[in-house]
């Protein structure tokens, strides 16, 4: 299985605070690789939804509209 997380982008969420936390995101391109196109099969709908949810959780929230435009359906 290929390494899907080799291009992680790190972002410091709160660099000024005492409790700085780091959130890592994958690129939209990498997130799209997690989602296989939905072909209309009833048995595949839950897996498709779960994969799309995972892709949205792993990208930078600022890129959600881009992922939404290109999510395969």
PDB file of N, CA and C in Angstrom:
ATOM      1  N   UNK A   1       0.843  -1.179   0.000  1.00  0.00           N
ATOM      2  CA  UNK A   1       0.000   0.000   0.000  1.00  0.00           C
ATOM      3  C   UNK A   1       0.888   1.242   0.000  1.00  0.00           C
ATOM      4  N   UNK A   2       0.565   2.197  -0.876  1.00  0.00           N
ATOM      5  CA  UNK A   2       1.408   3.401  -0.939  1.00  0.00           C
ATOM      6  C   UNK A   2       1.237   4.261   0.306  1.00  0.00           C
ATOM      7  N   UNK A   3       2.269   5.003   0.615  1.00  0.00           N
ATOM      8  CA  UNK A   3       2.222   5.917   1.748  1.00  0.00           C
ATOM      9  C   UNK A   3       1.431   7.152   1.350  1.00  0.00           C
ATOM     10  N   UNK A   4       0.222   7.311   1.876  1.00  0.00           N
ATOM     11  CA  UNK A   4      -0.648   8.421   1.507  1.00  0.00           C
ATOM     12  C   UNK A   4      -0.320   9.705   2.250  1.00  0.00           C
ATOM     13  N   UNK A   5       0.556   9.638   3.226  1.00  0.00           N
ATOM     14  CA  UNK A   5       0.792  10.790   4.081  1.00  0.00           C
ATOM     15  C   UNK A   5       2.201  11.358   3.969  1.00  0.00           C
ATOM     16  N   UNK A   6       2.852  11.168   2.831  1.00  0.00           N
ATOM     17  CA  UNK A   6       4.227  11.640   2.703  1.00  0.00           C
ATOM     18  C   UNK A   6       4.334  13.153   2.495  1.00  0.00           C
ATOM     19  N   UNK A   7       3.261  13.819   2.122  1.00  0.00           N
ATOM     20  CA  UNK A   7       3.311  15.260   1.887  1.00  0.00           C
ATOM     21  C   UNK A   7       2.478  16.028   2.909  1.00  0.00           C
ATOM     22  N   UNK A   8       2.612  15.694   4.158  1.00  0.00           N
ATOM     23  CA  UNK A   8       1.847  16.400   5.178  1.00  0.00           C
ATOM     24  C   UNK A   8       2.325  17.828   5.308  1.00  0.00           C
ATOM     25  N   UNK A   9       1.367  18.728   5.495  1.00  0.00           N
ATOM     26  CA  UNK A   9       1.695  20.130   5.704  1.00  0.00           C
ATOM     27  C   UNK A   9       1.391  20.445   7.158  1.00  0.00           C
ATOM     28  N   UNK A  10       2.342  20.984   7.889  1.00  0.00           N
ATOM     29  CA  UNK A  10       2.130  21.315   9.295  1.00  0.00           C
ATOM     30  C   UNK A  10       1.738  22.777   9.415  1.00  0.00           C
ATOM     31  N   UNK A  11       0.803  23.028  10.266  1.00  0.00           N
ATOM     32  CA  UNK A  11       0.373  24.397  10.513  1.00  0.00           C
ATOM     33  C   UNK A  11       0.299  24.598  12.021  1.00  0.00           C
ATOM     34  N   UNK A  12       0.896  25.662  12.503  1.00  0.00           N
ATOM     35  CA  UNK A  12       0.825  25.984  13.917  1.00  0.00           C
ATOM     36  C   UNK A  12      -0.472  26.737  14.140  1.00  0.00           C
ATOM     37  N   UNK A  13      -1.346  26.168  14.924  1.00  0.00           N
ATOM     38  CA  UNK A  13      -2.664  26.741  15.113  1.00  0.00           C
ATOM     39  C   UNK A  13      -2.617  27.969  16.006  1.00  0.00           C
ATOM     40  N   UNK A  14      -1.872  27.900  17.088  1.00  0.00           N
ATOM     41  CA  UNK A  14      -1.803  29.044  18.000  1.00  0.00           C
ATOM     42  C   UNK A  14      -0.360  29.293  18.413  1.00  0.00           C
ATOM     43  N   UNK A  15       0.422  29.941  17.551  1.00  0.00           N
ATOM     44  CA  UNK A  15       1.849  30.108  17.827  1.00  0.00           C
ATOM     45  C   UNK A  15       2.159  31.050  18.978  1.00  0.00           C
ATOM     46  N   UNK A  16       1.230  31.908  19.379  1.00  0.00           N
ATOM     47  CA  UNK A  16       1.494  32.889  20.418  1.00  0.00           C
ATOM     48  C   UNK A  16       1.128  32.364  21.807  1.00  0.00           C
ATOM     49  N   UNK A  17       0.209  31.450  21.869  1.00  0.00           N
ATOM     50  CA  UNK A  17      -0.268  30.976  23.169  1.00  0.00           C
ATOM     51  C   UNK A  17       0.747  30.059  23.846  1.00  0.00           C
ATOM     52  N   UNK A  18       0.541  29.823  25.140  1.00  0.00           N
ATOM     53  CA  UNK A  18       1.403  28.916  25.897  1.00  0.00           C
ATOM     54  C   UNK A  18       1.160  27.467  25.523  1.00  0.00           C
ATOM     55  N   UNK A  19      -0.003  27.186  24.966  1.00  0.00           N
ATOM     56  CA  UNK A  19      -0.353  25.817  24.601  1.00  0.00           C
ATOM     57  C   UNK A  19      -0.438  25.702  23.089  1.00  0.00           C
ATOM     58  N   UNK A  20       0.663  25.958  22.426  1.00  0.00           N
ATOM     59  CA  UNK A  20       0.690  25.860  20.968  1.00  0.00           C
ATOM     60  C   UNK A  20       0.397  24.435  20.560  1.00  0.00           C
ATOM     61  N   UNK A  21      -0.460  24.290  19.580  1.00  0.00           N
ATOM     62  CA  UNK A  21      -0.768  22.963  19.071  1.00  0.00           C
ATOM     63  C   UNK A  21      -0.476  22.938  17.580  1.00  0.00           C
ATOM     64  N   UNK A  22      -0.127  21.782  17.089  1.00  0.00           N
ATOM     65  CA  UNK A  22       0.207  21.635  15.685  1.00  0.00           C
ATOM     66  C   UNK A  22      -0.824  20.704  15.063  1.00  0.00           C
ATOM     67  N   UNK A  23      -1.387  21.153  13.950  1.00  0.00           N
ATOM     68  CA  UNK A  23      -2.336  20.341  13.209  1.00  0.00           C
ATOM     69  C   UNK A  23      -1.706  20.010  11.871  1.00  0.00           C
ATOM     70  N   UNK A  24      -1.778  18.765  11.471  1.00  0.00           N
ATOM     71  CA  UNK A  24      -1.205  18.347  10.201  1.00  0.00           C
ATOM     72  C   UNK A  24      -2.322  18.050   9.220  1.00  0.00           C
ATOM     73  N   UNK A  25      -2.147  18.515   7.999  1.00  0.00           N
ATOM     74  CA  UNK A  25      -3.134  18.304   6.952  1.00  0.00           C
ATOM     75  C   UNK A  25      -2.474  17.632   5.763  1.00  0.00           C
ATOM     76  N   UNK A  26      -3.282  16.921   4.985  1.00  0.00           N
ATOM     77  CA  UNK A  26      -2.805  16.398   3.711  1.00  0.00           C
ATOM     78  C   UNK A  26      -3.334  17.319   2.616  1.00  0.00           C
ATOM     79  N   UNK A  27      -2.724  17.249   1.462  1.00  0.00           N
ATOM     80  CA  UNK A  27      -3.148  18.087   0.339  1.00  0.00           C
ATOM     81  C   UNK A  27      -4.487  17.584  -0.203  1.00  0.00           C
ATOM     82  N   UNK A  28      -5.158  18.439  -0.950  1.00  0.00           N
ATOM     83  CA  UNK A  28      -6.424  18.049  -1.577  1.00  0.00           C
ATOM     84  C   UNK A  28      -6.181  16.889  -2.528  1.00  0.00           C
ATOM     85  N   UNK A  29      -5.073  16.932  -3.252  1.00  0.00           N
ATOM     86  CA  UNK A  29      -4.734  15.851  -4.180  1.00  0.00           C
ATOM     87  C   UNK A  29      -4.632  14.513  -3.450  1.00  0.00           C
ATOM     88  N   UNK A  30      -3.955  14.504  -2.326  1.00  0.00           N
ATOM     89  CA  UNK A  30      -3.830  13.271  -1.542  1.00  0.00           C
ATOM     90  C   UNK A  30      -5.186  12.841  -0.977  1.00  0.00           C
ATOM     91  N   UNK A  31      -5.990  13.804  -0.535  1.00  0.00           N
ATOM     92  CA  UNK A  31      -7.317  13.482   0.013  1.00  0.00           C
ATOM     93  C   UNK A  31      -8.203  12.843  -1.055  1.00  0.00           C
ATOM     94  N   UNK A  32      -8.091  13.328  -2.284  1.00  0.00           N
ATOM     95  CA  UNK A  32      -8.902  12.766  -3.363  1.00  0.00           C
ATOM     96  C   UNK A  32      -8.548  11.316  -3.647  1.00  0.00           C
ATOM     97  N   UNK A  33      -7.326  10.927  -3.361  1.00  0.00           N
ATOM     98  CA  UNK A  33      -6.914   9.536  -3.564  1.00  0.00           C
ATOM     99  C   UNK A  33      -7.600   8.594  -2.570  1.00  0.00           C
ATOM    100  N   UNK A  34      -8.093   9.140  -1.472  1.00  0.00           N
ATOM    101  CA  UNK A  34      -8.788   8.325  -0.476  1.00  0.00           C
ATOM    102  C   UNK A  34     -10.217   7.988  -0.889  1.00  0.00           C
ATOM    103  N   UNK A  35     -10.743   8.750  -1.832  1.00  0.00           N
ATOM    104  CA  UNK A  35     -12.152   8.619  -2.203  1.00  0.00           C
ATOM    105  C   UNK A  35     -12.268   7.976  -3.573  1.00  0.00           C
ATOM    106  N   UNK A  36     -12.861   6.795  -3.609  1.00  0.00           N
ATOM    107  CA  UNK A  36     -13.123   6.156  -4.894  1.00  0.00           C
ATOM    108  C   UNK A  36     -14.471   6.648  -5.401  1.00  0.00           C
ATOM    109  N   UNK A  37     -14.620   6.796  -6.710  1.00  0.00           N
ATOM    110  CA  UNK A  37     -15.892   7.302  -7.247  1.00  0.00           C
ATOM    111  C   UNK A  37     -17.068   6.406  -6.858  1.00  0.00           C
ATOM    112  N   UNK A  38     -18.178   7.040  -6.563  1.00  0.00           N
ATOM    113  CA  UNK A  38     -19.394   6.298  -6.236  1.00  0.00           C
ATOM    114  C   UNK A  38     -20.094   5.942  -7.535  1.00  0.00           C
ATOM    115  N   UNK A  39     -20.380   4.655  -7.711  1.00  0.00           N
ATOM    116  CA  UNK A  39     -20.954   4.183  -8.970  1.00  0.00           C
ATOM    117  C   UNK A  39     -22.432   3.838  -8.849  1.00  0.00           C
ATOM    118  N   UNK A  40     -23.051   4.232  -7.745  1.00  0.00           N
ATOM    119  CA  UNK A  40     -24.483   4.036  -7.602  1.00  0.00           C
ATOM    120  C   UNK A  40     -24.907   2.734  -6.939  1.00  0.00           C
ATOM    121  N   UNK A  41     -23.960   1.914  -6.549  1.00  0.00           N
ATOM    122  CA  UNK A  41     -24.295   0.653  -5.889  1.00  0.00           C
ATOM    123  C   UNK A  41     -24.714   0.909  -4.449  1.00  0.00           C
ATOM    124  N   UNK A  42     -25.873   0.422  -4.070  1.00  0.00           N
ATOM    125  CA  UNK A  42     -26.382   0.635  -2.713  1.00  0.00           C
ATOM    126  C   UNK A  42     -25.405   0.154  -1.648  1.00  0.00           C
ATOM    127  N   UNK A  43     -24.783  -0.956  -1.887  1.00  0.00           N
ATOM    128  CA  UNK A  43     -23.897  -1.543  -0.877  1.00  0.00           C
ATOM    129  C   UNK A  43     -22.626  -0.715  -0.649  1.00  0.00           C
ATOM    130  N   UNK A  44     -22.298   0.181  -1.592  1.00  0.00           N
ATOM    131  CA  UNK A  44     -21.077   0.972  -1.495  1.00  0.00           C
ATOM    132  C   UNK A  44     -21.280   2.369  -0.928  1.00  0.00           C
ATOM    133  N   UNK A  45     -22.530   2.776  -0.707  1.00  0.00           N
ATOM    134  CA  UNK A  45     -22.805   4.155  -0.323  1.00  0.00           C
ATOM    135  C   UNK A  45     -22.208   4.521   1.037  1.00  0.00           C
ATOM    136  N   UNK A  46     -22.283   3.643   2.012  1.00  0.00           N
ATOM    137  CA  UNK A  46     -21.754   3.956   3.347  1.00  0.00           C
ATOM    138  C   UNK A  46     -20.234   4.076   3.335  1.00  0.00           C
ATOM    139  N   UNK A  47     -19.580   3.220   2.577  1.00  0.00           N
ATOM    140  CA  UNK A  47     -18.122   3.296   2.467  1.00  0.00           C
ATOM    141  C   UNK A  47     -17.714   4.593   1.765  1.00  0.00           C
ATOM    142  N   UNK A  48     -18.456   4.977   0.724  1.00  0.00           N
ATOM    143  CA  UNK A  48     -18.170   6.224   0.020  1.00  0.00           C
ATOM    144  C   UNK A  48     -18.306   7.420   0.950  1.00  0.00           C
ATOM    145  N   UNK A  49     -19.395   7.465   1.704  1.00  0.00           N
ATOM    146  CA  UNK A  49     -19.622   8.569   2.639  1.00  0.00           C
ATOM    147  C   UNK A  49     -18.524   8.621   3.687  1.00  0.00           C
ATOM    148  N   UNK A  50     -18.136   7.480   4.218  1.00  0.00           N
ATOM    149  CA  UNK A  50     -17.075   7.427   5.226  1.00  0.00           C
ATOM    150  C   UNK A  50     -15.754   7.924   4.654  1.00  0.00           C
ATOM    151  N   UNK A  51     -15.434   7.543   3.414  1.00  0.00           N
ATOM    152  CA  UNK A  51     -14.190   7.990   2.784  1.00  0.00           C
ATOM    153  C   UNK A  51     -14.196   9.493   2.533  1.00  0.00           C
ATOM    154  N   UNK A  52     -15.335  10.030   2.112  1.00  0.00           N
ATOM    155  CA  UNK A  52     -15.433  11.478   1.893  1.00  0.00           C
ATOM    156  C   UNK A  52     -15.284  12.215   3.227  1.00  0.00           C
ATOM    157  N   UNK A  53     -15.948  11.716   4.267  1.00  0.00           N
ATOM    158  CA  UNK A  53     -15.816  12.337   5.594  1.00  0.00           C
ATOM    159  C   UNK A  53     -14.362  12.345   6.051  1.00  0.00           C
ATOM    160  N   UNK A  54     -13.671  11.240   5.860  1.00  0.00           N
ATOM    161  CA  UNK A  54     -12.259  11.153   6.242  1.00  0.00           C
ATOM    162  C   UNK A  54     -11.423  12.152   5.460  1.00  0.00           C
ATOM    163  N   UNK A  55     -11.675  12.262   4.170  1.00  0.00           N
ATOM    164  CA  UNK A  55     -10.929  13.208   3.343  1.00  0.00           C
ATOM    165  C   UNK A  55     -11.122  14.637   3.848  1.00  0.00           C
ATOM    166  N   UNK A  56     -12.353  14.999   4.195  1.00  0.00           N
ATOM    167  CA  UNK A  56     -12.608  16.353   4.697  1.00  0.00           C
ATOM    168  C   UNK A  56     -11.951  16.589   6.053  1.00  0.00           C
ATOM    169  N   UNK A  57     -11.852  15.561   6.882  1.00  0.00           N
ATOM    170  CA  UNK A  57     -11.213  15.701   8.190  1.00  0.00           C
ATOM    171  C   UNK A  57      -9.702  15.899   8.071  1.00  0.00           C
ATOM    172  N   UNK A  58      -9.108  15.397   7.005  1.00  0.00           N
ATOM    173  CA  UNK A  58      -7.652  15.415   6.867  1.00  0.00           C
ATOM    174  C   UNK A  58      -7.090  16.618   6.125  1.00  0.00           C
ATOM    175  N   UNK A  59      -7.961  17.405   5.475  1.00  0.00           N
ATOM    176  CA  UNK A  59      -7.460  18.568   4.752  1.00  0.00           C
ATOM    177  C   UNK A  59      -7.600  19.830   5.586  1.00  0.00           C
ATOM    178  N   UNK A  60      -6.877  20.850   5.186  1.00  0.00           N
ATOM    179  CA  UNK A  60      -6.987  22.161   5.811  1.00  0.00           C
ATOM    180  C   UNK A  60      -8.414  22.670   5.562  1.00  0.00           C
ATOM    181  N   UNK A  61      -9.109  23.110   6.597  1.00  0.00           N
ATOM    182  CA  UNK A  61     -10.487  23.591   6.418  1.00  0.00           C
ATOM    183  C   UNK A  61     -10.622  24.684   5.356  1.00  0.00           C
ATOM    184  N   UNK A  62      -9.571  25.423   5.111  1.00  0.00           N
ATOM    185  CA  UNK A  62      -9.617  26.465   4.078  1.00  0.00           C
ATOM    186  C   UNK A  62      -9.716  25.874   2.676  1.00  0.00           C
ATOM    187  N   UNK A  63      -9.441  24.582   2.528  1.00  0.00           N
ATOM    188  CA  UNK A  63      -9.487  23.927   1.214  1.00  0.00           C
ATOM    189  C   UNK A  63     -10.735  23.078   1.011  1.00  0.00           C
ATOM    190  N   UNK A  64     -11.698  23.177   1.921  1.00  0.00           N
ATOM    191  CA  UNK A  64     -12.900  22.342   1.820  1.00  0.00           C
ATOM    192  C   UNK A  64     -13.678  22.584   0.530  1.00  0.00           C
ATOM    193  N   UNK A  65     -13.793  23.825   0.100  1.00  0.00           N
ATOM    194  CA  UNK A  65     -14.567  24.105  -1.118  1.00  0.00           C
ATOM    195  C   UNK A  65     -13.891  23.482  -2.345  1.00  0.00           C
ATOM    196  N   UNK A  66     -12.570  23.449  -2.348  1.00  0.00           N
ATOM    197  CA  UNK A  66     -11.850  22.827  -3.456  1.00  0.00           C
ATOM    198  C   UNK A  66     -12.092  21.326  -3.472  1.00  0.00           C
ATOM    199  N   UNK A  67     -12.011  20.695  -2.314  1.00  0.00           N
ATOM    200  CA  UNK A  67     -12.273  19.255  -2.253  1.00  0.00           C
ATOM    201  C   UNK A  67     -13.704  18.964  -2.659  1.00  0.00           C
ATOM    202  N   UNK A  68     -14.633  19.782  -2.226  1.00  0.00           N
ATOM    203  CA  UNK A  68     -16.047  19.589  -2.567  1.00  0.00           C
ATOM    204  C   UNK A  68     -16.244  19.621  -4.075  1.00  0.00           C
ATOM    205  N   UNK A  69     -15.551  20.516  -4.759  1.00  0.00           N
ATOM    206  CA  UNK A  69     -15.687  20.630  -6.224  1.00  0.00           C
ATOM    207  C   UNK A  69     -15.175  19.402  -6.957  1.00  0.00           C
ATOM    208  N   UNK A  70     -14.140  18.760  -6.413  1.00  0.00           N
ATOM    209  CA  UNK A  70     -13.489  17.678  -7.131  1.00  0.00           C
ATOM    210  C   UNK A  70     -13.762  16.287  -6.574  1.00  0.00           C
ATOM    211  N   UNK A  71     -14.553  16.167  -5.529  1.00  0.00           N
ATOM    212  CA  UNK A  71     -14.868  14.840  -4.973  1.00  0.00           C
ATOM    213  C   UNK A  71     -15.571  14.006  -6.047  1.00  0.00           C
ATOM    214  N   UNK A  72     -15.040  12.830  -6.316  1.00  0.00           N
ATOM    215  CA  UNK A  72     -15.620  12.006  -7.393  1.00  0.00           C
ATOM    216  C   UNK A  72     -16.975  11.432  -6.999  1.00  0.00           C
ATOM    217  N   UNK A  73     -17.937  11.596  -7.880  1.00  0.00           N
ATOM    218  CA  UNK A  73     -19.282  11.028  -7.646  1.00  0.00           C
ATOM    219  C   UNK A  73     -19.733  10.266  -8.862  1.00  0.00           C
TER     220      UNK A  73
END
